PDB file of all heavy atoms in Angstrom:
ATOM      1  N   PHE A   1     -90.589-183.652-218.241  1.00  0.00           N
ATOM      2  CA  PHE A   1     -89.409-183.978-217.386  1.00  0.00           C
ATOM      3  C   PHE A   1     -88.874-182.721-216.782  1.00  0.00           C
ATOM      4  O   PHE A   1     -89.012-181.577-217.297  1.00  0.00           O
ATOM      5  CB  PHE A   1     -88.378-184.595-218.285  1.00  0.00           C
ATOM      6  CG  PHE A   1     -88.798-185.980-218.822  1.00  0.00           C
ATOM      7  CD1 PHE A   1     -89.437-186.059-220.066  1.00  0.00           C
ATOM      8  CD2 PHE A   1     -88.361-187.127-218.186  1.00  0.00           C
ATOM      9  CE1 PHE A   1     -89.752-187.274-220.620  1.00  0.00           C
ATOM     10  CE2 PHE A   1     -88.722-188.380-218.762  1.00  0.00           C
ATOM     11  CZ  PHE A   1     -89.396-188.438-219.942  1.00  0.00           C
ATOM     12  N   ASP A   2     -88.247-182.908-215.640  1.00  0.00           N
ATOM     13  CA  ASP A   2     -87.487-181.795-215.029  1.00  0.00           C
ATOM     14  C   ASP A   2     -86.168-181.548-215.782  1.00  0.00           C
ATOM     15  O   ASP A   2     -85.458-182.455-215.909  1.00  0.00           O
ATOM     16  CB  ASP A   2     -87.232-182.107-213.535  1.00  0.00           C
ATOM     17  CG  ASP A   2     -86.494-180.996-212.806  1.00  0.00           C
ATOM     18  OD1 ASP A   2     -87.149-180.074-212.327  1.00  0.00           O
ATOM     19  OD2 ASP A   2     -85.316-181.077-212.806  1.00  0.00           O
ATOM     20  N   ALA A   3     -85.971-180.336-216.181  1.00  0.00           N
ATOM     21  CA  ALA A   3     -84.826-180.044-216.952  1.00  0.00           C
ATOM     22  C   ALA A   3     -83.520-180.162-216.242  1.00  0.00           C
ATOM     23  O   ALA A   3     -82.449-180.423-216.847  1.00  0.00           O
ATOM     24  CB  ALA A   3     -84.930-178.630-217.689  1.00  0.00           C
ATOM     25  N   LYS A   4     -83.586-180.006-214.975  1.00  0.00           N
ATOM     26  CA  LYS A   4     -82.377-180.040-214.117  1.00  0.00           C
ATOM     27  C   LYS A   4     -82.013-181.500-213.796  1.00  0.00           C
ATOM     28  O   LYS A   4     -80.939-181.958-214.079  1.00  0.00           O
ATOM     29  CB  LYS A   4     -82.505-179.158-212.846  1.00  0.00           C
ATOM     30  CG  LYS A   4     -81.265-179.124-211.966  1.00  0.00           C
ATOM     31  CD  LYS A   4     -81.487-178.286-210.769  1.00  0.00           C
ATOM     32  CE  LYS A   4     -80.231-178.194-209.905  1.00  0.00           C
ATOM     33  NZ  LYS A   4     -80.437-177.341-208.701  1.00  0.00           N
ATOM     34  N   ALA A   5     -82.907-182.091-213.085  1.00  0.00           N
ATOM     35  CA  ALA A   5     -82.650-183.511-212.652  1.00  0.00           C
ATOM     36  C   ALA A   5     -83.019-184.559-213.665  1.00  0.00           C
ATOM     37  O   ALA A   5     -82.589-185.729-213.468  1.00  0.00           O
ATOM     38  CB  ALA A   5     -83.340-183.763-211.379  1.00  0.00           C
ATOM     39  N   LEU A   6     -83.778-184.206-214.676  1.00  0.00           N
ATOM     40  CA  LEU A   6     -84.109-185.072-215.790  1.00  0.00           C
ATOM     41  C   LEU A   6     -85.084-186.154-215.324  1.00  0.00           C
ATOM     42  O   LEU A   6     -85.394-187.130-216.009  1.00  0.00           O
ATOM     43  CB  LEU A   6     -82.935-185.744-216.420  1.00  0.00           C
ATOM     44  CG  LEU A   6     -81.890-184.807-217.006  1.00  0.00           C
ATOM     45  CD1 LEU A   6     -80.701-185.595-217.593  1.00  0.00           C
ATOM     46  CD2 LEU A   6     -82.441-183.840-218.102  1.00  0.00           C
ATOM     47  N   GLY A   7     -85.713-185.916-214.216  1.00  0.00           N
ATOM     48  CA  GLY A   7     -86.728-186.899-213.684  1.00  0.00           C
ATOM     49  C   GLY A   7     -88.112-186.721-214.413  1.00  0.00           C
ATOM     50  O   GLY A   7     -88.450-185.579-214.734  1.00  0.00           O
ATOM     51  N   LYS A   8     -88.816-187.782-214.567  1.00  0.00           N
ATOM     52  CA  LYS A   8     -90.228-187.634-215.157  1.00  0.00           C
ATOM     53  C   LYS A   8     -91.139-187.050-214.130  1.00  0.00           C
ATOM     54  O   LYS A   8     -91.216-187.404-212.990  1.00  0.00           O
ATOM     55  CB  LYS A   8     -90.657-189.064-215.543  1.00  0.00           C
ATOM     56  CG  LYS A   8     -91.998-189.128-216.211  1.00  0.00           C
ATOM     57  CD  LYS A   8     -92.417-190.537-216.576  1.00  0.00           C
ATOM     58  CE  LYS A   8     -93.860-190.541-217.210  1.00  0.00           C
ATOM     59  NZ  LYS A   8     -94.206-191.974-217.606  1.00  0.00           N
ATOM     60  N   LEU A   9     -91.924-186.094-214.742  1.00  0.00           N
ATOM     61  CA  LEU A   9     -92.878-185.438-213.793  1.00  0.00           C
ATOM     62  C   LEU A   9     -94.360-185.963-214.015  1.00  0.00           C
ATOM     63  O   LEU A   9     -94.998-186.288-213.049  1.00  0.00           O
ATOM     64  CB  LEU A   9     -92.846-183.875-214.084  1.00  0.00           C
ATOM     65  CG  LEU A   9     -91.547-183.281-213.861  1.00  0.00           C
ATOM     66  CD1 LEU A   9     -91.548-181.783-214.282  1.00  0.00           C
ATOM     67  CD2 LEU A   9     -91.145-183.304-212.378  1.00  0.00           C
ATOM     68  N   ARG A  10     -94.816-185.958-215.266  1.00  0.00           N
ATOM     69  CA  ARG A  10     -96.176-186.334-215.523  1.00  0.00           C
ATOM     70  C   ARG A  10     -96.362-186.487-217.023  1.00  0.00           C
ATOM     71  O   ARG A  10     -95.743-185.924-217.788  1.00  0.00           O
ATOM     72  CB  ARG A  10     -97.123-185.308-214.978  1.00  0.00           C
ATOM     73  CG  ARG A  10     -98.615-185.593-215.146  1.00  0.00           C
ATOM     74  CD  ARG A  10     -99.477-184.433-214.843  1.00  0.00           C
ATOM     75  NE  ARG A  10    -100.898-184.739-215.114  1.00  0.00           N
ATOM     76  CZ  ARG A  10    -101.883-183.898-215.176  1.00  0.00           C
ATOM     77  NH1 ARG A  10    -101.663-182.623-215.077  1.00  0.00           N
ATOM     78  NH2 ARG A  10    -103.165-184.284-215.369  1.00  0.00           N
ATOM     79  N   SER A  11     -97.396-187.427-217.422  1.00  0.00           N
ATOM     80  CA  SER A  11     -97.822-187.525-218.799  1.00  0.00           C
ATOM     81  C   SER A  11     -99.268-187.171-218.859  1.00  0.00           C
ATOM     82  O   SER A  11    -100.110-187.407-217.973  1.00  0.00           O
ATOM     83  CB  SER A  11     -97.550-188.971-219.261  1.00  0.00           C
ATOM     84  OG  SER A  11     -96.311-189.361-219.394  1.00  0.00           O
ATOM     85  N   VAL A  12     -99.569-186.548-220.008  1.00  0.00           N
ATOM     86  CA  VAL A  12    -100.985-186.210-220.353  1.00  0.00           C
ATOM     87  C   VAL A  12    -101.396-186.772-221.666  1.00  0.00           C
ATOM     88  O   VAL A  12    -100.535-186.933-222.537  1.00  0.00           O
ATOM     89  CB  VAL A  12    -101.219-184.665-220.293  1.00  0.00           C
ATOM     90  CG1 VAL A  12    -100.981-184.136-218.971  1.00  0.00           C
ATOM     91  CG2 VAL A  12    -100.449-183.936-221.330  1.00  0.00           C
ATOM     92  N   THR A  13    -102.611-187.043-221.891  1.00  0.00           N
ATOM     93  CA  THR A  13    -103.105-187.629-223.165  1.00  0.00           C
ATOM     94  C   THR A  13    -103.412-186.556-224.152  1.00  0.00           C
ATOM     95  O   THR A  13    -104.069-185.534-223.801  1.00  0.00           O
ATOM     96  CB  THR A  13    -104.327-188.567-222.922  1.00  0.00           C
ATOM     97  OG1 THR A  13    -104.002-189.555-221.931  1.00  0.00           O
ATOM     98  CG2 THR A  13    -104.847-189.126-224.203  1.00  0.00           C
ATOM     99  N   VAL A  14    -102.966-186.780-225.394  1.00  0.00           N
ATOM    100  CA  VAL A  14    -103.299-185.872-226.467  1.00  0.00           C
ATOM    101  C   VAL A  14    -103.892-186.595-227.621  1.00  0.00           C
ATOM    102  O   VAL A  14    -104.427-187.695-227.454  1.00  0.00           O
ATOM    103  CB  VAL A  14    -102.085-185.104-226.864  1.00  0.00           C
ATOM    104  CG1 VAL A  14    -101.592-184.126-225.798  1.00  0.00           C
ATOM    105  CG2 VAL A  14    -100.894-186.039-227.293  1.00  0.00           C
ATOM    106  N   GLY A  15    -103.866-186.077-228.809  1.00  0.00           N
ATOM    107  CA  GLY A  15    -104.493-186.722-230.040  1.00  0.00           C
ATOM    108  C   GLY A  15    -103.604-187.817-230.564  1.00  0.00           C
ATOM    109  O   GLY A  15    -102.531-188.115-230.086  1.00  0.00           O
ATOM    110  N   ALA A  16    -104.121-188.355-231.638  1.00  0.00           N
ATOM    111  CA  ALA A  16    -103.415-189.449-232.343  1.00  0.00           C
ATOM    112  C   ALA A  16    -102.189-188.969-233.073  1.00  0.00           C
ATOM    113  O   ALA A  16    -102.288-187.897-233.757  1.00  0.00           O
ATOM    114  CB  ALA A  16    -104.341-190.212-233.377  1.00  0.00           C
ATOM    115  N   LEU A  17    -101.095-189.659-232.939  1.00  0.00           N
ATOM    116  CA  LEU A  17     -99.804-189.396-233.601  1.00  0.00           C
ATOM    117  C   LEU A  17     -99.370-187.954-233.434  1.00  0.00           C
ATOM    118  O   LEU A  17     -99.236-187.138-234.349  1.00  0.00           O
ATOM    119  CB  LEU A  17     -99.931-189.696-235.178  1.00  0.00           C
ATOM    120  CG  LEU A  17     -98.587-189.708-235.855  1.00  0.00           C
ATOM    121  CD1 LEU A  17     -97.577-190.735-235.248  1.00  0.00           C
ATOM    122  CD2 LEU A  17     -98.761-189.934-237.354  1.00  0.00           C
ATOM    123  N   PRO A  18     -99.041-187.560-232.148  1.00  0.00           N
ATOM    124  CA  PRO A  18     -98.473-186.240-231.912  1.00  0.00           C
ATOM    125  C   PRO A  18     -97.136-186.124-232.664  1.00  0.00           C
ATOM    126  O   PRO A  18     -96.178-186.758-232.218  1.00  0.00           O
ATOM    127  CB  PRO A  18     -98.365-186.212-230.353  1.00  0.00           C
ATOM    128  CG  PRO A  18     -98.289-187.585-229.904  1.00  0.00           C
ATOM    129  CD  PRO A  18     -99.174-188.378-230.969  1.00  0.00           C
ATOM    130  N   ASP A  19     -97.051-185.264-233.666  1.00  0.00           N
ATOM    131  CA  ASP A  19     -95.907-185.215-234.503  1.00  0.00           C
ATOM    132  C   ASP A  19     -94.926-184.143-234.129  1.00  0.00           C
ATOM    133  O   ASP A  19     -93.785-184.304-234.251  1.00  0.00           O
ATOM    134  CB  ASP A  19     -96.410-184.985-235.975  1.00  0.00           C
ATOM    135  CG  ASP A  19     -95.248-185.133-236.936  1.00  0.00           C
ATOM    136  OD1 ASP A  19     -94.491-186.076-236.922  1.00  0.00           O
ATOM    137  OD2 ASP A  19     -95.088-184.263-237.787  1.00  0.00           O
ATOM    138  N   MET A  20     -95.430-183.052-233.524  1.00  0.00           N
ATOM    139  CA  MET A  20     -94.594-181.966-233.213  1.00  0.00           C
ATOM    140  C   MET A  20     -95.208-181.198-232.025  1.00  0.00           C
ATOM    141  O   MET A  20     -96.418-181.103-232.002  1.00  0.00           O
ATOM    142  CB  MET A  20     -94.379-181.011-234.423  1.00  0.00           C
ATOM    143  CG  MET A  20     -93.504-179.801-234.232  1.00  0.00           C
ATOM    144  SD  MET A  20     -94.453-178.338-233.623  1.00  0.00           S
ATOM    145  CE  MET A  20     -93.116-177.222-233.445  1.00  0.00           C
ATOM    146  N   LEU A  21     -94.388-180.712-231.140  1.00  0.00           N
ATOM    147  CA  LEU A  21     -94.861-179.883-230.111  1.00  0.00           C
ATOM    148  C   LEU A  21     -94.012-178.704-229.847  1.00  0.00           C
ATOM    149  O   LEU A  21     -92.699-178.701-230.197  1.00  0.00           O
ATOM    150  CB  LEU A  21     -95.115-180.681-228.790  1.00  0.00           C
ATOM    151  CG  LEU A  21     -93.909-180.872-227.855  1.00  0.00           C
ATOM    152  CD1 LEU A  21     -94.522-181.628-226.581  1.00  0.00           C
ATOM    153  CD2 LEU A  21     -92.778-181.639-228.361  1.00  0.00           C
ATOM    154  N   THR A  22     -94.500-177.644-229.250  1.00  0.00           N
ATOM    155  CA  THR A  22     -93.717-176.416-228.982  1.00  0.00           C
ATOM    156  C   THR A  22     -94.352-175.690-227.790  1.00  0.00           C
ATOM    157  O   THR A  22     -95.582-175.707-227.618  1.00  0.00           O
ATOM    158  CB  THR A  22     -93.726-175.481-230.194  1.00  0.00           C
ATOM    159  OG1 THR A  22     -92.789-174.378-229.956  1.00  0.00           O
ATOM    160  CG2 THR A  22     -95.038-175.017-230.561  1.00  0.00           C
ATOM    161  N   PHE A  23     -93.503-175.057-226.971  1.00  0.00           N
ATOM    162  CA  PHE A  23     -94.021-174.144-225.984  1.00  0.00           C
ATOM    163  C   PHE A  23     -94.323-172.796-226.611  1.00  0.00           C
ATOM    164  O   PHE A  23     -93.742-172.421-227.607  1.00  0.00           O
ATOM    165  CB  PHE A  23     -92.908-173.919-224.919  1.00  0.00           C
ATOM    166  CG  PHE A  23     -92.725-174.967-223.950  1.00  0.00           C
ATOM    167  CD1 PHE A  23     -91.830-176.038-224.213  1.00  0.00           C
ATOM    168  CD2 PHE A  23     -93.319-175.013-222.784  1.00  0.00           C
ATOM    169  CE1 PHE A  23     -91.540-177.042-223.289  1.00  0.00           C
ATOM    170  CE2 PHE A  23     -93.158-175.989-221.735  1.00  0.00           C
ATOM    171  CZ  PHE A  23     -92.251-177.080-222.054  1.00  0.00           C
ATOM    172  N   THR A  24     -95.359-172.186-226.119  1.00  0.00           N
ATOM    173  CA  THR A  24     -95.600-170.767-226.497  1.00  0.00           C
ATOM    174  C   THR A  24     -94.505-169.871-225.949  1.00  0.00           C
ATOM    175  O   THR A  24     -93.830-170.287-225.001  1.00  0.00           O
ATOM    176  CB  THR A  24     -96.969-170.284-225.952  1.00  0.00           C
ATOM    177  OG1 THR A  24     -96.934-170.320-224.480  1.00  0.00           O
ATOM    178  CG2 THR A  24     -98.136-171.088-226.445  1.00  0.00           C
ATOM    179  N   PRO A  25     -94.253-168.674-226.551  1.00  0.00           N
ATOM    180  CA  PRO A  25     -93.174-167.857-226.038  1.00  0.00           C
ATOM    181  C   PRO A  25     -93.326-167.524-224.559  1.00  0.00           C
ATOM    182  O   PRO A  25     -92.268-167.313-223.875  1.00  0.00           O
ATOM    183  CB  PRO A  25     -93.346-166.574-226.916  1.00  0.00           C
ATOM    184  CG  PRO A  25     -93.850-167.073-228.216  1.00  0.00           C
ATOM    185  CD  PRO A  25     -94.859-168.231-227.807  1.00  0.00           C
TER     186      PRO A  25
END
């Protein structure tokens, strides 16, 4: 999502039951 306008940008497929995510520094 766009952090300013909060609009959805895109979805990508990952593995089963994504439990946690983080940006790299």
